All heavy atoms as atom14 arrays in JSON, in Angstrom:
{
  "sequence": "PGAFGSIAGDNEHVRVADFNGDGHLDVVFVAEDTEQHN",
  "atom14_mask": [
    [1, 1, 1, 1, 1, 1, 1, 0, 0, 0, 0, 0, 0, 0],
    [1, 1, 1, 1, 0, 0, 0, 0, 0, 0, 0, 0, 0, 0],
    [1, 1, 1, 1, 1, 0, 0, 0, 0, 0, 0, 0, 0, 0],
    [1, 1, 1, 1, 1, 1, 1, 1, 1, 1, 1, 0, 0, 0],
    [1, 1, 1, 1, 0, 0, 0, 0, 0, 0, 0, 0, 0, 0],
    [1, 1, 1, 1, 1, 1, 0, 0, 0, 0, 0, 0, 0, 0],
    [1, 1, 1, 1, 1, 1, 1, 1, 0, 0, 0, 0, 0, 0],
    [1, 1, 1, 1, 1, 0, 0, 0, 0, 0, 0, 0, 0, 0],
    [1, 1, 1, 1, 0, 0, 0, 0, 0, 0, 0, 0, 0, 0],
    [1, 1, 1, 1, 1, 1, 1, 1, 0, 0, 0, 0, 0, 0],
    [1, 1, 1, 1, 1, 1, 1, 1, 0, 0, 0, 0, 0, 0],
    [1, 1, 1, 1, 1, 1, 1, 1, 1, 0, 0, 0, 0, 0],
    [1, 1, 1, 1, 1, 1, 1, 1, 1, 1, 0, 0, 0, 0],
    [1, 1, 1, 1, 1, 1, 1, 0, 0, 0, 0, 0, 0, 0],
    [1, 1, 1, 1, 1, 1, 1, 1, 1, 1, 1, 0, 0, 0],
    [1, 1, 1, 1, 1, 1, 1, 0, 0, 0, 0, 0, 0, 0],
    [1, 1, 1, 1, 1, 0, 0, 0, 0, 0, 0, 0, 0, 0],
    [1, 1, 1, 1, 1, 1, 1, 1, 0, 0, 0, 0, 0, 0],
    [1, 1, 1, 1, 1, 1, 1, 1, 1, 1, 1, 0, 0, 0],
    [1, 1, 1, 1, 1, 1, 1, 1, 0, 0, 0, 0, 0, 0],
    [1, 1, 1, 1, 0, 0, 0, 0, 0, 0, 0, 0, 0, 0],
    [1, 1, 1, 1, 1, 1, 1, 1, 0, 0, 0, 0, 0, 0],
    [1, 1, 1, 1, 0, 0, 0, 0, 0, 0, 0, 0, 0, 0],
    [1, 1, 1, 1, 1, 1, 1, 1, 1, 1, 0, 0, 0, 0],
    [1, 1, 1, 1, 1, 1, 1, 1, 0, 0, 0, 0, 0, 0],
    [1, 1, 1, 1, 1, 1, 1, 1, 0, 0, 0, 0, 0, 0],
    [1, 1, 1, 1, 1, 1, 1, 0, 0, 0, 0, 0, 0, 0],
    [1, 1, 1, 1, 1, 1, 1, 0, 0, 0, 0, 0, 0, 0],
    [1, 1, 1, 1, 1, 1, 1, 1, 1, 1, 1, 0, 0, 0],
    [1, 1, 1, 1, 1, 1, 1, 0, 0, 0, 0, 0, 0, 0],
    [1, 1, 1, 1, 1, 0, 0, 0, 0, 0, 0, 0, 0, 0],
    [1, 1, 1, 1, 1, 1, 1, 1, 1, 0, 0, 0, 0, 0],
    [1, 1, 1, 1, 1, 1, 1, 1, 0, 0, 0, 0, 0, 0],
    [1, 1, 1, 1, 1, 1, 1, 0, 0, 0, 0, 0, 0, 0],
    [1, 1, 1, 1, 1, 1, 1, 1, 1, 0, 0, 0, 0, 0],
    [1, 1, 1, 1, 1, 1, 1, 1, 1, 0, 0, 0, 0, 0],
    [1, 1, 1, 1, 1, 1, 1, 1, 1, 1, 0, 0, 0, 0],
    [1, 1, 1, 1, 1, 1, 1, 1, 0, 0, 0, 0, 0, 0]
  ],
  "atom14_positions": [
    [[19.29, 4.25, 16.4], [20.02, 4.17, 15.12], [20.26, 2.72, 14.69], [20.58, 1.86, 15.51], [21.34, 4.88, 15.42], [21.04, 5.77, 16.58], [20.04, 5.01, 17.41], [0.0, 0.0, 0.0], [0.0, 0.0, 0.0], [0.0, 0.0, 0.0], [0.0, 0.0, 0.0], [0.0, 0.0, 0.0], [0.0, 0.0, 0.0], [0.0, 0.0, 0.0]],
    [[20.06, 2.49, 13.39], [20.36, 1.18, 12.83], [19.32, 0.12, 13.07], [19.54, -1.04, 12.7], [0.0, 0.0, 0.0], [0.0, 0.0, 0.0], [0.0, 0.0, 0.0], [0.0, 0.0, 0.0], [0.0, 0.0, 0.0], [0.0, 0.0, 0.0], [0.0, 0.0, 0.0], [0.0, 0.0, 0.0], [0.0, 0.0, 0.0], [0.0, 0.0, 0.0]],
    [[18.18, 0.46, 13.66], [17.16, -0.55, 13.92], [16.7, -1.22, 12.62], [16.41, -2.42, 12.6], [15.96, 0.08, 14.63], [0.0, 0.0, 0.0], [0.0, 0.0, 0.0], [0.0, 0.0, 0.0], [0.0, 0.0, 0.0], [0.0, 0.0, 0.0], [0.0, 0.0, 0.0], [0.0, 0.0, 0.0], [0.0, 0.0, 0.0], [0.0, 0.0, 0.0]],
    [[16.63, -0.44, 11.55], [16.28, -0.98, 10.24], [17.47, -0.94, 9.28], [17.3, -0.83, 8.06], [15.11, -0.18, 9.65], [13.86, -0.23, 10.48], [13.32, 0.93, 11.0], [13.22, -1.43, 10.75], [12.16, 0.9, 11.77], [12.07, -1.47, 11.52], [11.54, -0.31, 12.03], [0.0, 0.0, 0.0], [0.0, 0.0, 0.0], [0.0, 0.0, 0.0]],
    [[18.67, -1.01, 9.82], [19.86, -0.94, 9.0], [20.21, 0.51, 8.68], [19.6, 1.45, 9.18], [0.0, 0.0, 0.0], [0.0, 0.0, 0.0], [0.0, 0.0, 0.0], [0.0, 0.0, 0.0], [0.0, 0.0, 0.0], [0.0, 0.0, 0.0], [0.0, 0.0, 0.0], [0.0, 0.0, 0.0], [0.0, 0.0, 0.0], [0.0, 0.0, 0.0]],
    [[21.2, 0.65, 7.82], [21.69, 2.0, 7.5], [21.56, 2.33, 6.02], [22.12, 3.31, 5.54], [23.16, 2.12, 7.91], [23.95, 1.13, 7.26], [0.0, 0.0, 0.0], [0.0, 0.0, 0.0], [0.0, 0.0, 0.0], [0.0, 0.0, 0.0], [0.0, 0.0, 0.0], [0.0, 0.0, 0.0], [0.0, 0.0, 0.0], [0.0, 0.0, 0.0]],
    [[20.8, 1.52, 5.27], [20.65, 1.74, 3.83], [19.76, 2.95, 3.59], [18.61, 2.99, 4.05], [20.07, 0.5, 3.14], [20.98, -0.71, 3.35], [19.87, 0.76, 1.65], [20.38, -2.01, 2.85], [0.0, 0.0, 0.0], [0.0, 0.0, 0.0], [0.0, 0.0, 0.0], [0.0, 0.0, 0.0], [0.0, 0.0, 0.0], [0.0, 0.0, 0.0]],
    [[20.27, 3.93, 2.88], [19.47, 5.11, 2.55], [18.61, 4.81, 1.33], [19.02, 4.09, 0.42], [20.38, 6.3, 2.28], [0.0, 0.0, 0.0], [0.0, 0.0, 0.0], [0.0, 0.0, 0.0], [0.0, 0.0, 0.0], [0.0, 0.0, 0.0], [0.0, 0.0, 0.0], [0.0, 0.0, 0.0], [0.0, 0.0, 0.0], [0.0, 0.0, 0.0]],
    [[17.41, 5.37, 1.31], [16.51, 5.17, 0.18], [15.48, 6.26, 0.12], [15.38, 7.09, 1.02], [0.0, 0.0, 0.0], [0.0, 0.0, 0.0], [0.0, 0.0, 0.0], [0.0, 0.0, 0.0], [0.0, 0.0, 0.0], [0.0, 0.0, 0.0], [0.0, 0.0, 0.0], [0.0, 0.0, 0.0], [0.0, 0.0, 0.0], [0.0, 0.0, 0.0]],
    [[14.71, 6.24, -0.96], [13.63, 7.21, -1.13], [12.35, 6.6, -0.56], [11.41, 6.29, -1.28], [13.48, 7.55, -2.61], [12.42, 8.61, -2.85], [12.15, 9.4, -1.92], [11.84, 8.64, -3.95], [0.0, 0.0, 0.0], [0.0, 0.0, 0.0], [0.0, 0.0, 0.0], [0.0, 0.0, 0.0], [0.0, 0.0, 0.0], [0.0, 0.0, 0.0]],
    [[12.34, 6.42, 0.75], [11.24, 5.72, 1.42], [10.03, 6.65, 1.55], [10.12, 7.72, 2.14], [11.7, 5.25, 2.8], [12.91, 4.34, 2.72], [12.8, 3.21, 2.29], [14.08, 4.85, 3.1], [0.0, 0.0, 0.0], [0.0, 0.0, 0.0], [0.0, 0.0, 0.0], [0.0, 0.0, 0.0], [0.0, 0.0, 0.0], [0.0, 0.0, 0.0]],
    [[8.9, 6.2, 1.01], [7.7, 7.04, 0.94], [6.67, 6.69, 2.01], [6.07, 7.58, 2.59], [7.08, 6.92, -0.45], [7.98, 7.38, -1.58], [8.11, 8.89, -1.66], [7.14, 9.58, -1.31], [9.18, 9.37, -2.08], [0.0, 0.0, 0.0], [0.0, 0.0, 0.0], [0.0, 0.0, 0.0], [0.0, 0.0, 0.0], [0.0, 0.0, 0.0]],
    [[6.43, 5.4, 2.2], [5.37, 5.0, 3.14], [5.77, 3.75, 3.89], [6.64, 2.98, 3.47], [4.05, 4.78, 2.39], [3.4, 6.05, 1.95], [2.74, 6.89, 2.82], [3.33, 6.64, 0.74], [2.29, 7.94, 2.16], [2.64, 7.81, 0.9], [0.0, 0.0, 0.0], [0.0, 0.0, 0.0], [0.0, 0.0, 0.0], [0.0, 0.0, 0.0]],
    [[5.08, 3.51, 5.02], [5.37, 2.38, 5.9], [4.07, 1.84, 6.48], [3.14, 2.6, 6.78], [6.33, 2.81, 7.03], [5.79, 4.01, 7.81], [6.63, 1.65, 7.97], [0.0, 0.0, 0.0], [0.0, 0.0, 0.0], [0.0, 0.0, 0.0], [0.0, 0.0, 0.0], [0.0, 0.0, 0.0], [0.0, 0.0, 0.0], [0.0, 0.0, 0.0]],
    [[4.01, 0.5, 6.61], [2.88, -0.16, 7.26], [3.41, -1.3, 8.11], [4.5, -1.83, 7.86], [1.87, -0.69, 6.23], [1.14, 0.39, 5.47], [0.21, 1.21, 6.35], [-0.53, 2.23, 5.61], [-0.13, 3.48, 5.44], [1.03, 3.87, 5.96], [-0.86, 4.34, 4.77], [0.0, 0.0, 0.0], [0.0, 0.0, 0.0], [0.0, 0.0, 0.0]],
    [[2.6, -1.71, 9.09], [3.02, -2.79, 9.99], [1.94, -3.85, 10.06], [0.74, -3.57, 9.93], [3.32, -2.25, 11.41], [4.43, -1.22, 11.37], [2.07, -1.66, 12.06], [0.0, 0.0, 0.0], [0.0, 0.0, 0.0], [0.0, 0.0, 0.0], [0.0, 0.0, 0.0], [0.0, 0.0, 0.0], [0.0, 0.0, 0.0], [0.0, 0.0, 0.0]],
    [[2.37, -5.11, 10.27], [1.49, -6.25, 10.47], [2.35, -7.43, 10.9], [3.57, -7.42, 10.71], [0.72, -6.59, 9.19], [0.0, 0.0, 0.0], [0.0, 0.0, 0.0], [0.0, 0.0, 0.0], [0.0, 0.0, 0.0], [0.0, 0.0, 0.0], [0.0, 0.0, 0.0], [0.0, 0.0, 0.0], [0.0, 0.0, 0.0], [0.0, 0.0, 0.0]],
    [[1.73, -8.44, 11.45], [2.45, -9.68, 11.76], [2.4, -10.56, 10.52], [1.51, -11.4, 10.36], [1.82, -10.38, 12.96], [2.53, -11.67, 13.32], [3.61, -11.94, 12.76], [1.98, -12.42, 14.15], [0.0, 0.0, 0.0], [0.0, 0.0, 0.0], [0.0, 0.0, 0.0], [0.0, 0.0, 0.0], [0.0, 0.0, 0.0], [0.0, 0.0, 0.0]],
    [[3.36, -10.35, 9.63], [3.32, -11.04, 8.34], [3.64, -12.53, 8.44], [3.1, -13.33, 7.68], [4.31, -10.37, 7.37], [3.91, -8.98, 6.96], [4.69, -7.89, 7.29], [2.74, -8.76, 6.25], [4.33, -6.6, 6.91], [2.36, -7.48, 5.86], [3.16, -6.39, 6.2], [0.0, 0.0, 0.0], [0.0, 0.0, 0.0], [0.0, 0.0, 0.0]],
    [[4.54, -12.91, 9.35], [4.97, -14.31, 9.4], [4.3, -15.11, 10.52], [4.64, -16.27, 10.75], [6.49, -14.4, 9.53], [7.02, -13.71, 10.77], [6.28, -13.07, 11.51], [8.32, -13.82, 10.99], [0.0, 0.0, 0.0], [0.0, 0.0, 0.0], [0.0, 0.0, 0.0], [0.0, 0.0, 0.0], [0.0, 0.0, 0.0], [0.0, 0.0, 0.0]],
    [[3.33, -14.5, 11.21], [2.52, -15.23, 12.17], [3.24, -15.67, 13.43], [2.79, -16.63, 14.09], [0.0, 0.0, 0.0], [0.0, 0.0, 0.0], [0.0, 0.0, 0.0], [0.0, 0.0, 0.0], [0.0, 0.0, 0.0], [0.0, 0.0, 0.0], [0.0, 0.0, 0.0], [0.0, 0.0, 0.0], [0.0, 0.0, 0.0], [0.0, 0.0, 0.0]],
    [[4.3, -14.97, 13.82], [5.04, -15.36, 15.02], [4.62, -14.57, 16.25], [5.22, -14.7, 17.33], [6.54, -15.22, 14.8], [6.99, -13.77, 14.62], [6.12, -12.88, 14.5], [8.21, -13.54, 14.56], [0.0, 0.0, 0.0], [0.0, 0.0, 0.0], [0.0, 0.0, 0.0], [0.0, 0.0, 0.0], [0.0, 0.0, 0.0], [0.0, 0.0, 0.0]],
    [[3.59, -13.73, 16.1], [3.1, -12.95, 17.23], [3.77, -11.61, 17.41], [3.43, -10.87, 18.35], [0.0, 0.0, 0.0], [0.0, 0.0, 0.0], [0.0, 0.0, 0.0], [0.0, 0.0, 0.0], [0.0, 0.0, 0.0], [0.0, 0.0, 0.0], [0.0, 0.0, 0.0], [0.0, 0.0, 0.0], [0.0, 0.0, 0.0], [0.0, 0.0, 0.0]],
    [[4.72, -11.28, 16.53], [5.43, -10.0, 16.61], [5.17, -9.18, 15.34], [5.09, -9.74, 14.24], [6.94, -10.22, 16.77], [7.3, -11.13, 17.9], [6.86, -10.93, 19.19], [8.05, -12.26, 17.93], [7.32, -11.88, 19.97], [8.05, -12.71, 19.23], [0.0, 0.0, 0.0], [0.0, 0.0, 0.0], [0.0, 0.0, 0.0], [0.0, 0.0, 0.0]],
    [[5.07, -7.88, 15.5], [4.78, -7.02, 14.36], [6.03, -6.81, 13.5], [7.13, -6.63, 14.01], [4.24, -5.67, 14.83], [2.8, -5.71, 15.37], [2.41, -4.35, 15.94], [1.81, -6.14, 14.29], [0.0, 0.0, 0.0], [0.0, 0.0, 0.0], [0.0, 0.0, 0.0], [0.0, 0.0, 0.0], [0.0, 0.0, 0.0], [0.0, 0.0, 0.0]],
    [[5.78, -6.85, 12.21], [6.82, -6.63, 11.21], [6.54, -5.32, 10.49], [5.46, -4.73, 10.65], [6.83, -7.8, 10.22], [6.82, -9.16, 10.94], [7.68, -9.35, 11.81], [5.93, -9.99, 10.65], [0.0, 0.0, 0.0], [0.0, 0.0, 0.0], [0.0, 0.0, 0.0], [0.0, 0.0, 0.0], [0.0, 0.0, 0.0], [0.0, 0.0, 0.0]],
    [[7.49, -4.87, 9.68], [7.4, -3.55, 9.06], [7.75, -3.65, 7.59], [8.76, -4.28, 7.23], [8.35, -2.54, 9.75], [8.18, -1.15, 9.16], [8.1, -2.51, 11.26], [0.0, 0.0, 0.0], [0.0, 0.0, 0.0], [0.0, 0.0, 0.0], [0.0, 0.0, 0.0], [0.0, 0.0, 0.0], [0.0, 0.0, 0.0], [0.0, 0.0, 0.0]],
    [[6.94, -3.01, 6.73], [7.25, -2.93, 5.3], [7.32, -1.46, 4.89], [6.45, -0.66, 5.25], [6.21, -3.71, 4.45], [4.8, -3.16, 4.6], [6.64, -3.72, 2.98], [0.0, 0.0, 0.0], [0.0, 0.0, 0.0], [0.0, 0.0, 0.0], [0.0, 0.0, 0.0], [0.0, 0.0, 0.0], [0.0, 0.0, 0.0], [0.0, 0.0, 0.0]],
    [[8.39, -1.11, 4.18], [8.59, 0.22, 3.63], [8.56, 0.11, 2.1], [9.11, -0.84, 1.53], [9.95, 0.8, 4.04], [10.14, 1.03, 5.5], [10.72, 0.05, 6.29], [9.77, 2.22, 6.1], [10.94, 0.25, 7.66], [9.97, 2.44, 7.46], [10.55, 1.45, 8.24], [0.0, 0.0, 0.0], [0.0, 0.0, 0.0], [0.0, 0.0, 0.0]],
    [[7.97, 1.11, 1.44], [8.05, 1.18, -0.02], [8.78, 2.46, -0.42], [8.67, 3.49, 0.24], [6.67, 1.11, -0.7], [6.01, -0.23, -0.44], [5.77, 2.26, -0.27], [0.0, 0.0, 0.0], [0.0, 0.0, 0.0], [0.0, 0.0, 0.0], [0.0, 0.0, 0.0], [0.0, 0.0, 0.0], [0.0, 0.0, 0.0], [0.0, 0.0, 0.0]],
    [[9.54, 2.35, -1.52], [10.38, 3.45, -1.99], [9.99, 3.83, -3.41], [9.5, 3.01, -4.19], [11.85, 3.06, -1.93], [0.0, 0.0, 0.0], [0.0, 0.0, 0.0], [0.0, 0.0, 0.0], [0.0, 0.0, 0.0], [0.0, 0.0, 0.0], [0.0, 0.0, 0.0], [0.0, 0.0, 0.0], [0.0, 0.0, 0.0], [0.0, 0.0, 0.0]],
    [[10.27, 5.09, -3.74], [9.95, 5.58, -5.08], [11.22, 5.59, -5.94], [11.5, 4.64, -6.66], [9.32, 6.97, -5.02], [8.81, 7.45, -6.38], [8.12, 8.8, -6.3], [8.39, 9.57, -5.36], [7.32, 9.09, -7.2], [0.0, 0.0, 0.0], [0.0, 0.0, 0.0], [0.0, 0.0, 0.0], [0.0, 0.0, 0.0], [0.0, 0.0, 0.0]],
    [[12.02, 6.64, -5.87], [13.14, 6.79, -6.8], [14.15, 5.65, -6.72], [14.69, 5.21, -7.74], [13.85, 8.13, -6.55], [12.99, 9.32, -6.95], [11.96, 9.1, -7.62], [13.34, 10.46, -6.57], [0.0, 0.0, 0.0], [0.0, 0.0, 0.0], [0.0, 0.0, 0.0], [0.0, 0.0, 0.0], [0.0, 0.0, 0.0], [0.0, 0.0, 0.0]],
    [[14.44, 5.17, -5.51], [15.43, 4.09, -5.37], [14.84, 2.72, -5.68], [15.6, 1.75, -5.83], [16.03, 4.09, -3.96], [14.96, 4.1, -3.0], [16.91, 5.3, -3.74], [0.0, 0.0, 0.0], [0.0, 0.0, 0.0], [0.0, 0.0, 0.0], [0.0, 0.0, 0.0], [0.0, 0.0, 0.0], [0.0, 0.0, 0.0], [0.0, 0.0, 0.0]],
    [[13.52, 2.61, -5.75], [12.81, 1.4, -6.22], [13.18, 0.15, -5.43], [13.15, -0.96, -5.95], [13.06, 1.18, -7.71], [12.61, 2.35, -8.58], [12.64, 2.03, -10.07], [12.61, 0.84, -10.43], [12.71, 2.99, -10.87], [0.0, 0.0, 0.0], [0.0, 0.0, 0.0], [0.0, 0.0, 0.0], [0.0, 0.0, 0.0], [0.0, 0.0, 0.0]],
    [[13.52, 0.3, -4.16], [13.84, -0.85, -3.33], [12.91, -0.87, -2.12], [13.03, -0.05, -1.21], [15.29, -0.81, -2.86], [15.68, -1.97, -1.93], [15.47, -3.33, -2.57], [16.09, -3.64, -3.58], [14.6, -4.15, -1.98], [0.0, 0.0, 0.0], [0.0, 0.0, 0.0], [0.0, 0.0, 0.0], [0.0, 0.0, 0.0], [0.0, 0.0, 0.0]],
    [[11.97, -1.81, -2.14], [11.07, -1.96, -1.01], [11.72, -2.89, 0.02], [12.47, -3.81, -0.34], [9.73, -2.53, -1.47], [9.21, -1.85, -2.7], [9.22, -0.48, -2.84], [8.69, -2.35, -3.86], [8.71, -0.16, -4.03], [8.4, -1.27, -4.67], [0.0, 0.0, 0.0], [0.0, 0.0, 0.0], [0.0, 0.0, 0.0], [0.0, 0.0, 0.0]],
    [[11.41, -2.66, 1.28], [12.08, -3.41, 2.34], [11.09, -3.97, 3.35], [10.15, -3.29, 3.78], [13.1, -2.53, 3.07], [14.38, -2.35, 2.26], [15.05, -3.33, 1.95], [14.71, -1.11, 1.92], [0.0, 0.0, 0.0], [0.0, 0.0, 0.0], [0.0, 0.0, 0.0], [0.0, 0.0, 0.0], [0.0, 0.0, 0.0], [0.0, 0.0, 0.0]]
  ]
}
């Protein structure tokens, strides 16, 4: 619980990649109705 915070949203899809090049995988979520991507 709480690994990605506690903000509720209309999260539709998720992908992972090392976006900042530090050797660790990061996570991006996209939302529809709430229109807040994380």
